[in-house]
């Protein structure tokens, strides 16, 4: 699938597994989904997905329930905001956040960029065209066997639900479609009775770049700072 598909997938997941901040990030996603579409997962696909991703990270049920209830609270109103930035070596960054205080969020992000030589935040819309927004659903190959489904059968079946491409990495497969077909792809998995391991909207670089080890190490210092911020939910780059 390539590193351009999801930036440093294994490294990021390994770090997130150890981060105490992962539950608050997941809780924010659940709360915002419940605010937008209601607190019933059966009728709110975005909430179902947020809960699914939380369970994949072993988030306790009590935490999930509390995040849903928080959606009806007047305290801490969450909003989605995004920011764009550039760094040395041609690195582009698209940052998605959920925050109850955008002023705090942008101040924190600016501090990370200001402390990084050659890096700067740019006006929103400057870099968005450099990324394609896609729906990405992950499943396990072993879950296809009891259903007597080959990858070819799966691909043909999911095309009707908006599938653009089907890619395999290790023991997992990834169904990729336009971001507007996120709900339809979820419905396709449900119809075929295929468990979804993770589901997300991602921004995939249209022109990924390769970096030397030294350039990558320099870039990762800024990337790590951004990813560790409480308000940052996702970070996408053009690094391949």
Protein backbone atom coordinates (compact mmCIF):
# COMPACT_ATOMS: atom_id res chain seq x y z
CA UNK A 1 0.00 0.00 0.00
CA UNK A 2 2.94 2.29 0.64
CA UNK A 3 3.71 4.81 3.33
CA UNK A 4 1.88 7.54 1.40
CA UNK A 5 -1.40 5.79 2.15
CA UNK A 6 -1.23 6.41 5.87
CA UNK A 7 1.80 8.20 7.25
CA UNK A 8 4.08 5.92 9.23
CA UNK A 9 1.18 3.62 10.05
CA UNK A 10 3.04 1.08 12.19
CA UNK A 11 5.19 3.64 14.00
CA UNK A 12 2.24 5.88 14.79
CA UNK A 13 0.06 3.03 16.06
CA UNK A 14 2.88 1.69 18.21
CA UNK A 15 3.31 5.10 19.80
CA UNK A 16 -0.42 5.65 20.25
CA UNK A 17 -0.71 2.29 22.01
CA UNK A 18 1.55 3.72 24.71
CA UNK A 19 0.02 7.18 24.86
CA UNK A 20 -2.28 8.06 27.72
CA UNK A 21 -3.72 10.74 25.44
CA UNK A 22 -5.29 8.27 23.01
CA UNK A 23 -8.53 7.85 24.99
CA UNK A 24 -9.27 11.60 25.18
CA UNK A 25 -8.72 11.85 21.41
CA UNK A 26 -11.08 8.95 20.76
CA UNK A 27 -13.62 10.38 23.21
CA UNK A 28 -13.63 13.68 21.34
CA UNK A 29 -14.44 11.88 18.10
CA UNK A 30 -17.32 10.03 19.77
CA UNK A 31 -18.72 13.18 21.37
CA UNK A 32 -18.59 15.17 18.14
CA UNK A 33 -20.22 12.35 16.17
CA UNK A 34 -23.01 12.14 18.76
CA UNK A 35 -23.51 15.91 18.64
CA UNK A 36 -23.83 15.86 14.86
CA UNK A 37 -26.02 12.82 14.36
CA UNK A 38 -27.51 11.84 17.72
CA UNK A 39 -26.47 9.39 20.40
CA UNK A 40 -27.92 6.21 18.86
CA UNK A 41 -25.22 4.26 17.00
CA UNK A 42 -27.88 2.31 15.10
CA UNK A 43 -28.96 5.43 13.23
CA UNK A 44 -25.65 7.33 13.28
CA UNK A 45 -22.98 5.74 11.05
CA UNK A 46 -20.33 8.25 12.09
CA UNK A 47 -20.91 7.42 15.76
CA UNK A 48 -20.80 3.69 15.03
CA UNK A 49 -17.44 4.18 13.37
CA UNK A 50 -16.06 6.29 16.21
CA UNK A 51 -17.14 3.64 18.73
CA UNK A 52 -15.64 0.89 16.57
CA UNK A 53 -12.29 2.68 16.43
CA UNK A 54 -12.40 3.27 20.20
CA UNK A 55 -13.03 -0.42 20.86
CA UNK A 56 -10.13 -1.31 18.56
CA UNK A 57 -7.91 0.67 20.97
CA UNK A 58 -9.44 -1.16 23.98
CA UNK A 59 -11.24 1.92 25.26
CA UNK A 60 -13.51 0.89 28.20
CA UNK A 61 -17.28 0.89 27.65
CA UNK A 62 -17.76 3.37 30.51
CA UNK A 63 -15.51 5.86 28.72
CA UNK A 64 -17.45 5.39 25.49
CA UNK A 65 -20.81 5.89 27.23
CA UNK A 66 -19.51 8.99 29.01
CA UNK A 67 -18.32 10.47 25.71
CA UNK A 68 -21.77 9.96 24.17
CA UNK A 69 -23.50 11.59 27.16
CA UNK A 70 -21.13 14.53 26.94
CA UNK A 71 -22.66 15.39 23.57
CA UNK A 72 -25.76 16.75 25.32
CA UNK A 73 -23.74 18.84 27.76
CA UNK A 74 -23.43 22.59 27.30
CA UNK A 75 -19.88 22.49 28.60
CA UNK A 76 -16.91 22.14 26.32
CA UNK A 77 -18.58 22.56 22.94
CA UNK A 78 -16.30 20.84 20.44
CA UNK A 79 -15.67 22.09 16.92
CA UNK A 80 -13.69 20.64 14.04
CA UNK A 81 -10.91 22.83 12.66
CA UNK A 82 -8.06 22.16 10.26
CA UNK A 83 -4.72 23.82 9.57
CA UNK A 84 -2.09 23.52 6.86
CA UNK A 85 1.66 23.90 7.02
CA UNK A 86 4.97 23.51 5.23
CA UNK A 87 8.37 22.35 6.42
CA UNK A 88 11.84 21.86 4.99
CA UNK A 89 12.56 19.29 2.26
CA UNK A 90 9.19 19.93 0.56
CA UNK A 91 7.14 18.44 3.40
CA UNK A 92 3.46 19.41 3.44
CA UNK A 93 1.22 18.91 6.46
CA UNK A 94 -2.56 18.86 6.80
CA UNK A 95 -3.70 18.88 10.44
CA UNK A 96 -7.21 18.00 11.63
CA UNK A 97 -8.26 18.99 15.14
CA UNK A 98 -11.22 18.79 17.51
CA UNK A 99 -11.18 21.49 20.14
CA UNK A 100 -13.25 23.46 22.61
CA UNK A 101 -10.83 26.38 22.25
CA UNK A 102 -9.55 27.12 18.71
CA UNK A 103 -7.48 30.05 20.01
CA UNK A 104 -5.50 27.67 22.22
CA UNK A 105 -5.16 25.14 19.44
CA UNK A 106 -3.70 27.48 16.84
CA UNK A 107 -1.40 29.08 19.44
CA UNK A 108 0.02 25.65 20.31
CA UNK A 109 0.48 24.68 16.66
CA UNK A 110 2.19 27.98 15.83
CA UNK A 111 4.63 27.40 18.68
CA UNK A 112 5.65 24.02 17.20
CA UNK A 113 6.18 25.53 13.76
CA UNK A 114 7.98 28.61 15.07
CA UNK A 115 10.47 26.41 16.90
CA UNK A 116 11.20 24.46 13.70
CA UNK A 117 13.56 26.17 11.23
CA UNK A 118 12.01 26.48 7.78
CA UNK A 119 8.50 25.50 8.93
CA UNK A 120 5.41 27.67 8.81
CA UNK A 121 1.62 27.50 8.96
CA UNK A 122 0.01 28.66 5.71
CA UNK A 123 -3.46 29.95 4.87
CA UNK A 124 -6.18 27.31 4.82
CA UNK A 125 -6.86 26.15 1.27
CA UNK A 126 -3.25 26.59 0.19
CA UNK A 127 -2.45 22.87 0.34
CA UNK A 128 -5.79 21.08 0.47
CA UNK A 129 -5.72 20.38 -3.27
CA UNK A 130 -2.50 18.43 -2.75
CA UNK A 131 -4.44 15.70 -0.91
CA UNK A 132 -7.41 13.58 -1.96
CA UNK A 133 -10.00 12.89 0.71
CA UNK A 134 -10.88 9.21 0.85
CA UNK A 135 -12.97 6.77 2.85
CA UNK A 136 -10.82 3.90 4.13
CA UNK A 137 -12.23 0.76 5.74
CA UNK A 138 -9.97 -1.98 7.05
CA UNK A 139 -10.89 -5.65 7.25
CA UNK A 140 -9.04 -8.92 7.92
CA UNK A 141 -8.42 -11.46 5.17
CA UNK A 142 -9.23 -14.29 7.57
CA UNK A 143 -12.79 -12.94 7.98
CA UNK A 144 -13.46 -13.57 4.28
CA UNK A 145 -12.88 -17.32 4.52
CA UNK A 146 -16.06 -18.24 6.50
CA UNK A 147 -18.05 -16.18 3.99
CA UNK A 148 -16.46 -17.98 1.01
CA UNK A 149 -15.49 -14.61 -0.41
CA UNK A 150 -12.42 -14.15 -2.58
CA UNK A 151 -10.82 -10.75 -2.98
CA UNK A 152 -12.22 -10.63 -6.51
CA UNK A 153 -15.75 -11.35 -5.22
CA UNK A 154 -15.34 -8.74 -2.51
CA UNK A 155 -14.18 -6.11 -4.97
CA UNK A 156 -17.09 -6.76 -7.32
CA UNK A 157 -19.58 -6.64 -4.45
CA UNK A 158 -18.26 -3.39 -2.97
CA UNK A 159 -18.14 -1.53 -6.28
CA UNK A 160 -21.89 -1.05 -5.91
CA UNK A 161 -21.19 0.71 -2.59
CA UNK A 162 -18.65 3.18 -3.96
CA UNK A 163 -15.42 1.17 -3.87
CA UNK A 164 -12.63 2.73 -5.94
CA UNK A 165 -9.81 0.36 -5.06
CA UNK A 166 -9.06 -2.62 -2.85
CA UNK A 167 -5.55 -2.97 -1.45
CA UNK A 168 -3.88 -5.67 0.63
CA UNK A 169 -1.18 -5.18 3.25
CA UNK A 170 -0.10 -8.12 5.36
CA UNK A 171 -3.15 -9.87 6.77
CA UNK A 172 -5.45 -6.90 6.19
CA UNK A 173 -7.31 -5.44 3.23
CA UNK A 174 -8.35 -1.85 2.73
CA UNK A 175 -11.44 -0.71 0.86
CA UNK A 176 -10.92 2.81 -0.50
CA UNK A 177 -13.56 5.12 -1.93
CA UNK A 178 -14.48 8.77 -2.20
CA UNK A 179 -15.07 10.47 1.15
CA UNK A 180 -18.71 11.08 0.22
CA UNK A 181 -19.25 7.30 -0.03
CA UNK A 182 -18.14 6.60 3.55
CA UNK A 183 -21.63 5.64 4.73
CA UNK A 184 -22.24 3.48 1.65
CA UNK A 185 -19.00 1.54 2.10
CA UNK A 186 -19.91 0.90 5.73
CA UNK A 187 -23.28 -0.40 4.58
CA UNK A 188 -21.51 -2.67 2.09
CA UNK A 189 -19.47 -4.29 4.85
CA UNK A 190 -22.61 -4.69 6.97
CA UNK A 191 -24.55 -6.24 4.09
CA UNK A 192 -21.74 -8.70 3.38
CA UNK A 193 -21.38 -9.35 7.14
CA UNK A 194 -17.70 -8.47 7.11
CA UNK A 195 -16.35 -7.08 10.42
CA UNK A 196 -14.77 -3.64 10.08
CA UNK A 197 -11.53 -3.35 12.05
CA UNK A 198 -11.09 0.38 11.52
CA UNK A 199 -12.79 3.01 9.44
CA UNK A 200 -11.76 6.58 8.78
CA UNK A 201 -11.73 9.53 6.42
CA UNK A 202 -8.15 10.11 5.31
CA UNK A 203 -6.32 12.62 3.16
CA UNK A 204 -3.93 10.84 0.81
CA UNK A 205 -1.15 12.82 -0.84
CA UNK A 206 -1.53 13.16 -4.61
CA UNK A 207 2.24 13.56 -5.13
CA UNK A 208 4.11 11.81 -2.29
CA UNK A 209 7.81 12.50 -1.82
CA UNK A 210 10.71 10.39 -0.54
CA UNK A 211 13.16 11.75 2.02
CA UNK A 212 16.67 10.78 3.05
CA UNK A 213 17.05 9.34 6.54
CA UNK A 214 18.45 12.62 7.80
CA UNK A 215 15.65 14.70 6.27
CA UNK A 216 13.04 12.28 7.61
CA UNK A 217 14.52 12.47 11.11
CA UNK A 218 14.39 16.28 10.98
CA UNK A 219 10.78 16.26 9.79
CA UNK A 220 9.70 13.77 12.42
CA UNK A 221 10.62 16.13 15.23
CA UNK A 222 7.89 18.54 14.14
CA UNK A 223 5.48 15.76 13.21
CA UNK A 224 5.82 14.11 16.61
CA UNK A 225 5.14 17.41 18.40
CA UNK A 226 1.98 17.96 16.37
CA UNK A 227 0.68 14.40 16.83
CA UNK A 228 1.16 14.58 20.60
CA UNK A 229 -1.06 17.66 20.94
CA UNK A 230 -4.35 16.88 22.70
CA UNK A 231 -6.43 18.72 20.12
CA UNK A 232 -4.91 17.01 17.07
CA UNK A 233 -6.97 14.10 15.81
CA UNK A 234 -5.16 13.36 12.55
CA UNK A 235 -2.07 14.51 10.70
CA UNK A 236 -1.44 13.86 7.01
CA UNK A 237 1.76 14.51 5.11
CA UNK A 238 3.08 13.98 1.59
CA UNK A 239 5.93 11.80 2.85
CA UNK A 240 5.95 8.44 1.07
